[in-house]
Amino acid sequence: MKLRNLAFIMVILMIVSCNKSENPSENSNNEKTEETSNTESPSENLVQLSLADEGIPVALMLPQEVSISKGTGVTEMNGVTYKNLNLKGGDYKMNASMPEEDFDGTMEEILESQKRLSSFDKGFNIIQECDNGYLYEFENSKGKNYAFVYATIKDNHQIIFTSLPSRSKNYTQEQIEKMFEAAKTVK
């Protein structure tokens, strides 16, 4: 993976963690089709949320209260344009990021790069892993916290989903596992 992509991902993670936009008016163009999932509790109503209208050509299953906000929107770094979206609602706070340039690498390269970035977190320890991502624990000023990274390659673009840091509390392992499972539904 190119060094500029690595640097960009680090910058995006820092920018996204500082983003305070929770404006519902930014969330009016969400495409949702109601559907119930067998992997979640019967009381949790899941819908298909498409990110295509916002420029990221995927959809995934999320709780009904999750909506799209622009996050850092479209950013440019070293001549490469990136699209960044936040998916927020309830305990779900995720980011979807996609560079507009074609990606000619492998999933292994994406995950290796992401693991290097994650390893800067104090106490970094992978606790669950699959072919396209991982869930990990780490330490911060509030104690033990959890996060995830899930990647896919679609239409020659890498798309990376990550948990967004919470300013007020740490995530539980169960909360991150639910977000990680949702990211795995990407189509």
N, C-alpha and C. Protein backbone atom coordinates (compact mmCIF):
# COMPACT_ATOMS: atom_id res chain seq x y z
N MET A 1 0.85 -1.17 0.00
CA MET A 1 0.00 0.00 0.00
C MET A 1 0.89 1.23 0.00
N LYS A 2 0.45 2.22 -0.72
CA LYS A 2 1.24 3.43 -0.86
C LYS A 2 1.28 4.20 0.45
N LEU A 3 2.41 4.82 0.72
CA LEU A 3 2.61 5.59 1.93
C LEU A 3 1.59 6.72 2.05
N ARG A 4 1.22 7.32 0.92
CA ARG A 4 0.26 8.43 0.99
C ARG A 4 -1.11 7.94 1.45
N ASN A 5 -1.50 6.72 1.06
CA ASN A 5 -2.78 6.18 1.53
C ASN A 5 -2.73 5.94 3.03
N LEU A 6 -1.61 5.46 3.53
CA LEU A 6 -1.45 5.21 4.94
C LEU A 6 -1.56 6.52 5.72
N ALA A 7 -0.85 7.52 5.24
CA ALA A 7 -0.88 8.83 5.90
C ALA A 7 -2.29 9.40 5.86
N PHE A 8 -2.97 9.24 4.73
CA PHE A 8 -4.32 9.76 4.63
C PHE A 8 -5.25 9.09 5.63
N ILE A 9 -5.17 7.79 5.75
CA ILE A 9 -6.05 7.07 6.67
C ILE A 9 -5.82 7.54 8.09
N MET A 10 -4.56 7.78 8.47
CA MET A 10 -4.27 8.30 9.82
C MET A 10 -4.92 9.68 10.00
N VAL A 11 -4.79 10.54 9.00
CA VAL A 11 -5.37 11.88 9.09
C VAL A 11 -6.89 11.79 9.18
N ILE A 12 -7.50 10.93 8.37
CA ILE A 12 -8.96 10.79 8.37
C ILE A 12 -9.45 10.34 9.75
N LEU A 13 -8.77 9.36 10.33
CA LEU A 13 -9.17 8.88 11.65
C LEU A 13 -9.12 9.99 12.68
N MET A 14 -8.09 10.85 12.59
CA MET A 14 -7.99 11.97 13.53
C MET A 14 -9.09 12.99 13.27
N ILE A 15 -9.35 13.30 12.00
CA ILE A 15 -10.37 14.29 11.65
C ILE A 15 -11.75 13.79 12.06
N VAL A 16 -12.02 12.54 11.74
CA VAL A 16 -13.34 11.97 12.05
C VAL A 16 -13.59 11.98 13.55
N SER A 17 -12.55 11.71 14.34
CA SER A 17 -12.75 11.69 15.78
C SER A 17 -13.05 13.08 16.32
N CYS A 18 -12.70 14.10 15.58
CA CYS A 18 -12.99 15.47 16.00
C CYS A 18 -14.30 15.99 15.44
N ASN A 19 -14.93 15.26 14.53
CA ASN A 19 -16.16 15.71 13.88
C ASN A 19 -17.30 15.73 14.88
N LYS A 20 -17.98 16.86 14.99
CA LYS A 20 -19.08 16.98 15.95
C LYS A 20 -20.44 17.05 15.28
N SER A 21 -20.51 16.89 13.96
CA SER A 21 -21.77 17.05 13.26
C SER A 21 -22.74 15.92 13.56
N GLU A 22 -23.87 16.27 14.13
CA GLU A 22 -24.95 15.32 14.42
C GLU A 22 -26.25 15.85 13.83
N ASN A 23 -26.15 16.77 12.85
CA ASN A 23 -27.29 17.47 12.29
C ASN A 23 -28.18 16.53 11.49
N PRO A 24 -29.41 16.29 11.94
CA PRO A 24 -30.29 15.40 11.21
C PRO A 24 -30.60 15.86 9.80
N SER A 25 -30.49 17.16 9.52
CA SER A 25 -30.79 17.64 8.18
C SER A 25 -29.79 17.13 7.16
N GLU A 26 -28.60 16.71 7.63
CA GLU A 26 -27.61 16.14 6.73
C GLU A 26 -27.97 14.71 6.34
N ASN A 27 -28.93 14.13 7.01
CA ASN A 27 -29.23 12.72 6.86
C ASN A 27 -30.50 12.45 6.06
N SER A 28 -30.96 13.40 5.28
CA SER A 28 -32.27 13.26 4.64
C SER A 28 -32.27 12.37 3.40
N ASN A 29 -31.12 12.04 2.82
CA ASN A 29 -31.09 11.29 1.57
C ASN A 29 -30.75 9.82 1.74
N ASN A 30 -31.06 9.24 2.88
CA ASN A 30 -30.73 7.83 3.12
C ASN A 30 -31.73 6.93 2.44
N GLU A 31 -31.21 5.92 1.72
CA GLU A 31 -32.07 4.93 1.08
C GLU A 31 -32.14 3.74 2.02
N LYS A 32 -33.34 3.41 2.51
CA LYS A 32 -33.50 2.30 3.44
C LYS A 32 -34.63 1.40 2.97
N THR A 33 -34.37 0.10 3.04
CA THR A 33 -35.38 -0.89 2.76
C THR A 33 -35.46 -1.78 3.99
N GLU A 34 -36.62 -1.85 4.62
CA GLU A 34 -36.75 -2.58 5.88
C GLU A 34 -36.63 -4.08 5.65
N GLU A 35 -35.87 -4.72 6.54
CA GLU A 35 -35.66 -6.15 6.49
C GLU A 35 -35.21 -6.61 7.87
N THR A 36 -35.67 -7.77 8.31
CA THR A 36 -35.26 -8.29 9.60
C THR A 36 -34.17 -9.30 9.41
N SER A 37 -33.14 -9.26 10.26
CA SER A 37 -32.01 -10.18 10.17
C SER A 37 -32.14 -11.28 11.21
N ASN A 38 -31.76 -12.50 10.85
CA ASN A 38 -31.80 -13.61 11.79
C ASN A 38 -30.61 -13.61 12.73
N THR A 39 -29.57 -12.81 12.44
CA THR A 39 -28.39 -12.81 13.28
C THR A 39 -28.53 -11.87 14.46
N GLU A 40 -29.49 -10.99 14.46
CA GLU A 40 -29.69 -10.05 15.55
C GLU A 40 -30.89 -10.49 16.38
N SER A 41 -31.04 -9.86 17.52
CA SER A 41 -32.19 -10.18 18.34
C SER A 41 -33.46 -9.79 17.60
N PRO A 42 -34.57 -10.50 17.81
CA PRO A 42 -35.80 -10.21 17.08
C PRO A 42 -36.28 -8.78 17.27
N SER A 43 -35.93 -8.14 18.40
CA SER A 43 -36.40 -6.78 18.65
C SER A 43 -35.60 -5.74 17.88
N GLU A 44 -34.44 -6.12 17.33
CA GLU A 44 -33.64 -5.15 16.60
C GLU A 44 -34.01 -5.18 15.12
N ASN A 45 -34.63 -4.12 14.64
CA ASN A 45 -35.10 -4.03 13.28
C ASN A 45 -33.97 -3.54 12.39
N LEU A 46 -33.55 -4.36 11.44
CA LEU A 46 -32.46 -3.99 10.54
C LEU A 46 -33.00 -3.57 9.19
N VAL A 47 -32.31 -2.61 8.58
CA VAL A 47 -32.67 -2.13 7.25
C VAL A 47 -31.42 -2.11 6.39
N GLN A 48 -31.63 -2.18 5.09
CA GLN A 48 -30.50 -2.06 4.18
C GLN A 48 -30.24 -0.58 3.96
N LEU A 49 -29.03 -0.14 4.23
CA LEU A 49 -28.63 1.26 4.07
C LEU A 49 -27.64 1.34 2.91
N SER A 50 -28.03 2.02 1.84
CA SER A 50 -27.17 2.17 0.67
C SER A 50 -26.33 3.44 0.81
N LEU A 51 -25.06 3.32 0.50
CA LEU A 51 -24.17 4.48 0.52
C LEU A 51 -23.91 5.00 -0.89
N ALA A 52 -24.53 4.37 -1.88
CA ALA A 52 -24.29 4.70 -3.29
C ALA A 52 -24.63 6.15 -3.63
N ASP A 53 -25.73 6.67 -3.09
CA ASP A 53 -26.10 8.06 -3.38
C ASP A 53 -25.06 9.06 -2.87
N GLU A 54 -24.27 8.62 -1.91
CA GLU A 54 -23.22 9.47 -1.34
C GLU A 54 -21.86 9.19 -1.95
N GLY A 55 -21.81 8.31 -2.98
CA GLY A 55 -20.59 8.08 -3.72
C GLY A 55 -19.78 6.85 -3.33
N ILE A 56 -20.26 6.05 -2.40
CA ILE A 56 -19.57 4.81 -2.04
C ILE A 56 -20.50 3.67 -2.45
N PRO A 57 -20.10 2.85 -3.44
CA PRO A 57 -21.01 1.90 -4.08
C PRO A 57 -21.27 0.61 -3.30
N VAL A 58 -21.75 0.73 -2.07
CA VAL A 58 -22.07 -0.44 -1.26
C VAL A 58 -23.35 -0.19 -0.47
N ALA A 59 -23.89 -1.28 0.08
CA ALA A 59 -25.02 -1.21 1.00
C ALA A 59 -24.73 -2.21 2.11
N LEU A 60 -25.29 -1.97 3.29
CA LEU A 60 -25.14 -2.89 4.39
C LEU A 60 -26.36 -2.85 5.30
N MET A 61 -26.50 -3.88 6.13
CA MET A 61 -27.65 -4.00 7.03
C MET A 61 -27.30 -3.36 8.37
N LEU A 62 -28.14 -2.39 8.78
CA LEU A 62 -27.92 -1.67 10.03
C LEU A 62 -29.25 -1.45 10.74
N PRO A 63 -29.21 -1.16 12.05
CA PRO A 63 -30.46 -0.83 12.74
C PRO A 63 -31.13 0.38 12.11
N GLN A 64 -32.43 0.42 12.21
CA GLN A 64 -33.24 1.45 11.57
C GLN A 64 -32.83 2.87 11.95
N GLU A 65 -32.35 3.08 13.17
CA GLU A 65 -32.03 4.44 13.61
C GLU A 65 -30.70 4.96 13.05
N VAL A 66 -29.93 4.13 12.37
CA VAL A 66 -28.64 4.57 11.81
C VAL A 66 -28.89 5.38 10.54
N SER A 67 -28.20 6.51 10.45
CA SER A 67 -28.33 7.35 9.27
C SER A 67 -26.94 7.79 8.81
N ILE A 68 -26.89 8.33 7.60
CA ILE A 68 -25.63 8.76 7.00
C ILE A 68 -25.43 10.25 7.26
N SER A 69 -24.21 10.61 7.67
CA SER A 69 -23.82 12.02 7.68
C SER A 69 -22.52 12.12 6.89
N LYS A 70 -22.21 13.28 6.44
CA LYS A 70 -21.07 13.46 5.55
C LYS A 70 -19.73 13.19 6.19
N GLY A 71 -19.63 13.17 7.52
CA GLY A 71 -18.31 13.01 8.14
C GLY A 71 -17.42 14.14 7.68
N THR A 72 -16.25 13.80 7.19
CA THR A 72 -15.37 14.82 6.65
C THR A 72 -15.68 15.08 5.18
N GLY A 73 -16.69 14.37 4.65
CA GLY A 73 -17.11 14.57 3.27
C GLY A 73 -16.06 14.14 2.28
N VAL A 74 -15.84 14.93 1.27
CA VAL A 74 -14.82 14.65 0.26
C VAL A 74 -13.57 15.43 0.65
N THR A 75 -12.47 14.72 0.77
CA THR A 75 -11.21 15.36 1.11
C THR A 75 -10.17 14.97 0.06
N GLU A 76 -9.11 15.73 0.00
CA GLU A 76 -8.04 15.43 -0.95
C GLU A 76 -6.71 15.44 -0.21
N MET A 77 -5.89 14.44 -0.53
CA MET A 77 -4.56 14.37 0.06
C MET A 77 -3.60 13.80 -0.98
N ASN A 78 -2.52 14.50 -1.20
CA ASN A 78 -1.51 14.08 -2.18
C ASN A 78 -2.13 13.78 -3.54
N GLY A 79 -3.09 14.59 -3.95
CA GLY A 79 -3.70 14.44 -5.25
C GLY A 79 -4.76 13.35 -5.35
N VAL A 80 -5.05 12.66 -4.24
CA VAL A 80 -6.06 11.61 -4.24
C VAL A 80 -7.29 12.11 -3.47
N THR A 81 -8.46 11.96 -4.09
CA THR A 81 -9.71 12.38 -3.47
C THR A 81 -10.32 11.20 -2.72
N TYR A 82 -10.78 11.44 -1.51
CA TYR A 82 -11.39 10.42 -0.66
C TYR A 82 -12.80 10.83 -0.29
N LYS A 83 -13.68 9.85 -0.22
CA LYS A 83 -15.04 10.07 0.28
C LYS A 83 -15.11 9.45 1.67
N ASN A 84 -15.69 10.19 2.61
CA ASN A 84 -15.80 9.73 3.98
C ASN A 84 -17.22 9.96 4.48
N LEU A 85 -17.83 8.92 4.99
CA LEU A 85 -19.18 9.02 5.52
C LEU A 85 -19.21 8.47 6.94
N ASN A 86 -20.03 9.08 7.78
CA ASN A 86 -20.28 8.56 9.11
C ASN A 86 -21.65 7.89 9.12
N LEU A 87 -21.74 6.74 9.77
CA LEU A 87 -23.00 6.00 9.93
C LEU A 87 -23.27 5.99 11.42
N LYS A 88 -24.29 6.76 11.84
CA LYS A 88 -24.52 6.93 13.27
C LYS A 88 -25.98 6.72 13.64
N GLY A 89 -26.16 6.17 14.82
CA GLY A 89 -27.50 5.98 15.38
C GLY A 89 -27.43 5.00 16.53
N GLY A 90 -27.99 5.36 17.68
CA GLY A 90 -27.91 4.49 18.84
C GLY A 90 -26.45 4.27 19.22
N ASP A 91 -26.08 3.01 19.44
CA ASP A 91 -24.70 2.67 19.78
C ASP A 91 -23.81 2.50 18.56
N TYR A 92 -24.37 2.66 17.36
CA TYR A 92 -23.60 2.48 16.13
C TYR A 92 -22.96 3.80 15.72
N LYS A 93 -21.63 3.80 15.64
CA LYS A 93 -20.89 4.96 15.16
C LYS A 93 -19.74 4.43 14.33
N MET A 94 -19.96 4.43 13.01
CA MET A 94 -18.98 3.86 12.07
C MET A 94 -18.60 4.89 11.03
N ASN A 95 -17.44 4.68 10.41
CA ASN A 95 -16.98 5.50 9.31
C ASN A 95 -16.77 4.60 8.10
N ALA A 96 -17.14 5.09 6.93
CA ALA A 96 -16.85 4.42 5.66
C ALA A 96 -15.96 5.36 4.86
N SER A 97 -14.84 4.87 4.36
CA SER A 97 -13.89 5.70 3.63
C SER A 97 -13.48 5.00 2.34
N MET A 98 -13.41 5.78 1.24
CA MET A 98 -13.03 5.21 -0.04
C MET A 98 -12.24 6.24 -0.86
N PRO A 99 -10.99 5.90 -1.24
CA PRO A 99 -10.28 6.78 -2.18
C PRO A 99 -10.88 6.61 -3.57
N GLU A 100 -10.92 7.68 -4.36
CA GLU A 100 -11.49 7.61 -5.70
C GLU A 100 -10.55 6.94 -6.70
N GLU A 101 -9.26 6.89 -6.39
CA GLU A 101 -8.34 6.26 -7.34
C GLU A 101 -8.51 4.74 -7.30
N ASP A 102 -8.23 4.11 -8.43
CA ASP A 102 -8.32 2.65 -8.51
C ASP A 102 -7.30 2.02 -7.57
N PHE A 103 -7.69 0.90 -6.99
CA PHE A 103 -6.82 0.16 -6.08
C PHE A 103 -6.38 -1.11 -6.78
N ASP A 104 -5.07 -1.31 -6.85
CA ASP A 104 -4.56 -2.49 -7.53
C ASP A 104 -3.85 -3.44 -6.56
N GLY A 105 -4.10 -3.27 -5.29
CA GLY A 105 -3.47 -4.11 -4.28
C GLY A 105 -4.36 -5.27 -3.86
N THR A 106 -4.02 -5.87 -2.75
CA THR A 106 -4.74 -7.03 -2.23
C THR A 106 -5.37 -6.71 -0.88
N MET A 107 -6.30 -7.57 -0.46
CA MET A 107 -6.91 -7.42 0.84
C MET A 107 -5.84 -7.54 1.94
N GLU A 108 -4.88 -8.42 1.74
CA GLU A 108 -3.81 -8.61 2.73
C GLU A 108 -3.03 -7.30 2.93
N GLU A 109 -2.79 -6.56 1.84
CA GLU A 109 -2.08 -5.28 1.95
C GLU A 109 -2.90 -4.25 2.72
N ILE A 110 -4.21 -4.23 2.47
CA ILE A 110 -5.08 -3.30 3.20
C ILE A 110 -5.02 -3.61 4.69
N LEU A 111 -5.22 -4.88 5.04
CA LEU A 111 -5.27 -5.25 6.45
C LEU A 111 -3.92 -5.07 7.15
N GLU A 112 -2.84 -5.35 6.45
CA GLU A 112 -1.51 -5.14 7.03
C GLU A 112 -1.32 -3.66 7.37
N SER A 113 -1.72 -2.79 6.45
CA SER A 113 -1.62 -1.36 6.67
C SER A 113 -2.49 -0.91 7.84
N GLN A 114 -3.71 -1.41 7.88
CA GLN A 114 -4.63 -1.03 8.96
C GLN A 114 -4.12 -1.53 10.32
N LYS A 115 -3.55 -2.72 10.36
CA LYS A 115 -3.00 -3.25 11.61
C LYS A 115 -1.84 -2.40 12.09
N ARG A 116 -1.00 -1.93 11.16
CA ARG A 116 0.10 -1.04 11.55
C ARG A 116 -0.46 0.22 12.19
N LEU A 117 -1.52 0.79 11.59
CA LEU A 117 -2.14 2.00 12.16
C LEU A 117 -2.75 1.70 13.54
N SER A 118 -3.48 0.60 13.64
CA SER A 118 -4.13 0.24 14.90
C SER A 118 -3.11 -0.04 15.99
N SER A 119 -1.95 -0.54 15.62
CA SER A 119 -0.95 -0.92 16.62
C SER A 119 -0.40 0.28 17.39
N PHE A 120 -0.67 1.50 16.91
CA PHE A 120 -0.27 2.68 17.66
C PHE A 120 -1.12 2.86 18.91
N ASP A 121 -2.29 2.22 18.96
CA ASP A 121 -3.13 2.28 20.15
C ASP A 121 -2.48 1.48 21.27
N LYS A 122 -2.40 2.07 22.44
CA LYS A 122 -1.79 1.42 23.60
C LYS A 122 -2.51 0.11 23.92
N GLY A 123 -1.76 -0.95 24.10
CA GLY A 123 -2.35 -2.23 24.47
C GLY A 123 -3.06 -2.93 23.32
N PHE A 124 -2.77 -2.56 22.07
CA PHE A 124 -3.41 -3.14 20.88
C PHE A 124 -3.35 -4.66 20.93
N ASN A 125 -4.53 -5.31 20.84
CA ASN A 125 -4.62 -6.76 20.86
C ASN A 125 -5.82 -7.20 20.03
N ILE A 126 -5.56 -7.94 18.95
CA ILE A 126 -6.65 -8.44 18.10
C ILE A 126 -7.36 -9.56 18.85
N ILE A 127 -8.70 -9.45 18.97
CA ILE A 127 -9.46 -10.48 19.69
C ILE A 127 -10.38 -11.28 18.77
N GLN A 128 -10.57 -10.80 17.54
CA GLN A 128 -11.37 -11.53 16.56
C GLN A 128 -10.89 -11.11 15.19
N GLU A 129 -10.80 -12.07 14.27
CA GLU A 129 -10.29 -11.76 12.94
C GLU A 129 -11.02 -12.59 11.90
N CYS A 130 -11.21 -11.99 10.72
CA CYS A 130 -11.78 -12.70 9.57
C CYS A 130 -10.97 -12.30 8.35
N ASP A 131 -11.33 -12.82 7.19
CA ASP A 131 -10.56 -12.54 5.98
C ASP A 131 -10.49 -11.06 5.63
N ASN A 132 -11.51 -10.27 6.00
CA ASN A 132 -11.58 -8.87 5.60
C ASN A 132 -11.44 -7.87 6.74
N GLY A 133 -11.17 -8.33 7.95
CA GLY A 133 -11.06 -7.37 9.02
C GLY A 133 -10.76 -7.99 10.36
N TYR A 134 -10.83 -7.15 11.38
CA TYR A 134 -10.53 -7.60 12.73
C TYR A 134 -11.18 -6.68 13.76
N LEU A 135 -11.36 -7.21 14.94
CA LEU A 135 -11.88 -6.50 16.10
C LEU A 135 -10.75 -6.52 17.11
N TYR A 136 -10.49 -5.39 17.78
CA TYR A 136 -9.38 -5.36 18.72
C TYR A 136 -9.72 -4.57 19.97
N GLU A 137 -8.92 -4.84 21.02
CA GLU A 137 -9.05 -4.07 22.25
C GLU A 137 -7.79 -3.24 22.41
N PHE A 138 -7.92 -2.15 23.17
CA PHE A 138 -6.79 -1.28 23.45
C PHE A 138 -7.11 -0.47 24.70
N GLU A 139 -6.15 0.24 25.19
CA GLU A 139 -6.31 1.06 26.39
C GLU A 139 -6.31 2.54 26.02
N ASN A 140 -7.16 3.31 26.71
CA ASN A 140 -7.10 4.76 26.58
C ASN A 140 -7.27 5.37 27.96
N SER A 141 -7.45 6.67 28.05
CA SER A 141 -7.53 7.34 29.36
C SER A 141 -8.75 6.90 30.17
N LYS A 142 -9.75 6.31 29.50
CA LYS A 142 -10.95 5.84 30.20
C LYS A 142 -10.88 4.36 30.53
N GLY A 143 -9.78 3.68 30.16
CA GLY A 143 -9.64 2.25 30.43
C GLY A 143 -9.67 1.44 29.15
N LYS A 144 -10.19 0.22 29.25
CA LYS A 144 -10.23 -0.70 28.10
C LYS A 144 -11.30 -0.24 27.11
N ASN A 145 -10.95 -0.28 25.84
CA ASN A 145 -11.86 0.12 24.78
C ASN A 145 -11.73 -0.90 23.65
N TYR A 146 -12.69 -0.88 22.73
CA TYR A 146 -12.73 -1.82 21.62
C TYR A 146 -12.97 -1.04 20.33
N ALA A 147 -12.47 -1.59 19.23
CA ALA A 147 -12.65 -0.97 17.91
C ALA A 147 -12.59 -2.07 16.86
N PHE A 148 -12.96 -1.70 15.62
CA PHE A 148 -12.87 -2.67 14.54
C PHE A 148 -12.44 -2.00 13.25
N VAL A 149 -11.98 -2.83 12.33
CA VAL A 149 -11.66 -2.43 10.96
C VAL A 149 -12.21 -3.53 10.06
N TYR A 150 -12.93 -3.14 9.03
CA TYR A 150 -13.43 -4.10 8.04
C TYR A 150 -13.25 -3.47 6.67
N ALA A 151 -12.70 -4.22 5.73
CA ALA A 151 -12.40 -3.68 4.40
C ALA A 151 -13.03 -4.55 3.32
N THR A 152 -13.31 -3.92 2.21
CA THR A 152 -13.79 -4.64 1.03
C THR A 152 -13.20 -3.95 -0.20
N ILE A 153 -13.15 -4.67 -1.29
CA ILE A 153 -12.71 -4.10 -2.56
C ILE A 153 -13.87 -4.24 -3.52
N LYS A 154 -14.34 -3.11 -4.05
CA LYS A 154 -15.48 -3.13 -4.96
C LYS A 154 -15.21 -2.15 -6.10
N ASP A 155 -15.47 -2.59 -7.32
CA ASP A 155 -15.27 -1.74 -8.50
C ASP A 155 -13.87 -1.12 -8.51
N ASN A 156 -12.86 -1.91 -8.16
CA ASN A 156 -11.46 -1.47 -8.11
C ASN A 156 -11.19 -0.37 -7.10
N HIS A 157 -11.99 -0.30 -6.05
CA HIS A 157 -11.78 0.67 -4.98
C HIS A 157 -11.74 -0.06 -3.65
N GLN A 158 -10.86 0.39 -2.77
CA GLN A 158 -10.87 -0.14 -1.41
C GLN A 158 -11.85 0.69 -0.59
N ILE A 159 -12.65 0.03 0.21
CA ILE A 159 -13.60 0.70 1.09
C ILE A 159 -13.34 0.17 2.49
N ILE A 160 -13.08 1.07 3.42
CA ILE A 160 -12.72 0.67 4.77
C ILE A 160 -13.75 1.20 5.76
N PHE A 161 -14.27 0.29 6.57
CA PHE A 161 -15.20 0.63 7.64
C PHE A 161 -14.45 0.54 8.96
N THR A 162 -14.63 1.55 9.80
CA THR A 162 -14.01 1.56 11.14
C THR A 162 -15.02 2.08 12.15
N SER A 163 -14.82 1.74 13.40
CA SER A 163 -15.64 2.33 14.45
C SER A 163 -15.15 3.75 14.69
N LEU A 164 -16.08 4.65 14.98
CA LEU A 164 -15.73 6.03 15.30
C LEU A 164 -15.49 6.15 16.80
N PRO A 165 -14.47 6.86 17.21
CA PRO A 165 -14.24 7.04 18.64
C PRO A 165 -15.39 7.79 19.30
N SER A 166 -15.71 7.42 20.52
CA SER A 166 -16.73 8.13 21.29
C SER A 166 -16.04 9.08 22.25
N ARG A 167 -16.51 10.31 22.33
CA ARG A 167 -15.92 11.29 23.25
C ARG A 167 -16.35 11.03 24.70
N SER A 168 -17.52 10.43 24.87
CA SER A 168 -18.08 10.35 26.22
C SER A 168 -17.84 9.02 26.93
N LYS A 169 -17.63 7.93 26.18
CA LYS A 169 -17.47 6.63 26.84
C LYS A 169 -16.74 5.66 25.92
N ASN A 170 -16.24 4.60 26.52
CA ASN A 170 -15.63 3.54 25.74
C ASN A 170 -16.71 2.59 25.25
N TYR A 171 -16.43 1.92 24.14
CA TYR A 171 -17.32 0.89 23.64
C TYR A 171 -17.13 -0.39 24.44
N THR A 172 -18.20 -1.16 24.56
CA THR A 172 -18.07 -2.50 25.10
C THR A 172 -17.71 -3.43 23.96
N GLN A 173 -17.23 -4.60 24.30
CA GLN A 173 -16.91 -5.58 23.26
C GLN A 173 -18.17 -5.94 22.49
N GLU A 174 -19.30 -6.06 23.17
CA GLU A 174 -20.57 -6.41 22.51
C GLU A 174 -20.99 -5.34 21.50
N GLN A 175 -20.85 -4.06 21.85
CA GLN A 175 -21.20 -2.98 20.91
C GLN A 175 -20.35 -3.04 19.65
N ILE A 176 -19.05 -3.25 19.81
CA ILE A 176 -18.15 -3.31 18.66
C ILE A 176 -18.42 -4.57 17.84
N GLU A 177 -18.72 -5.68 18.50
CA GLU A 177 -19.05 -6.91 17.77
C GLU A 177 -20.27 -6.71 16.88
N LYS A 178 -21.28 -5.98 17.37
CA LYS A 178 -22.48 -5.71 16.56
C LYS A 178 -22.14 -4.84 15.35
N MET A 179 -21.30 -3.82 15.55
CA MET A 179 -20.90 -2.97 14.42
C MET A 179 -20.06 -3.77 13.42
N PHE A 180 -19.15 -4.61 13.93
CA PHE A 180 -18.32 -5.45 13.08
C PHE A 180 -19.17 -6.40 12.26
N GLU A 181 -20.17 -7.01 12.89
CA GLU A 181 -21.08 -7.92 12.17
C GLU A 181 -21.87 -7.17 11.11
N ALA A 182 -22.28 -5.93 11.43
CA ALA A 182 -22.98 -5.10 10.44
C ALA A 182 -22.07 -4.80 9.25
N ALA A 183 -20.81 -4.47 9.51
CA ALA A 183 -19.88 -4.18 8.42
C ALA A 183 -19.70 -5.40 7.52
N LYS A 184 -19.77 -6.58 8.09
CA LYS A 184 -19.61 -7.81 7.31
C LYS A 184 -20.78 -8.05 6.33
N THR A 185 -21.88 -7.31 6.49
CA THR A 185 -23.03 -7.48 5.58
C THR A 185 -22.88 -6.65 4.31
N VAL A 186 -21.76 -5.95 4.16
CA VAL A 186 -21.56 -5.08 3.01
C VAL A 186 -21.70 -5.85 1.69
N LYS A 187 -22.43 -5.21 0.75
CA LYS A 187 -22.65 -5.80 -0.58
C LYS A 187 -22.30 -4.77 -1.64
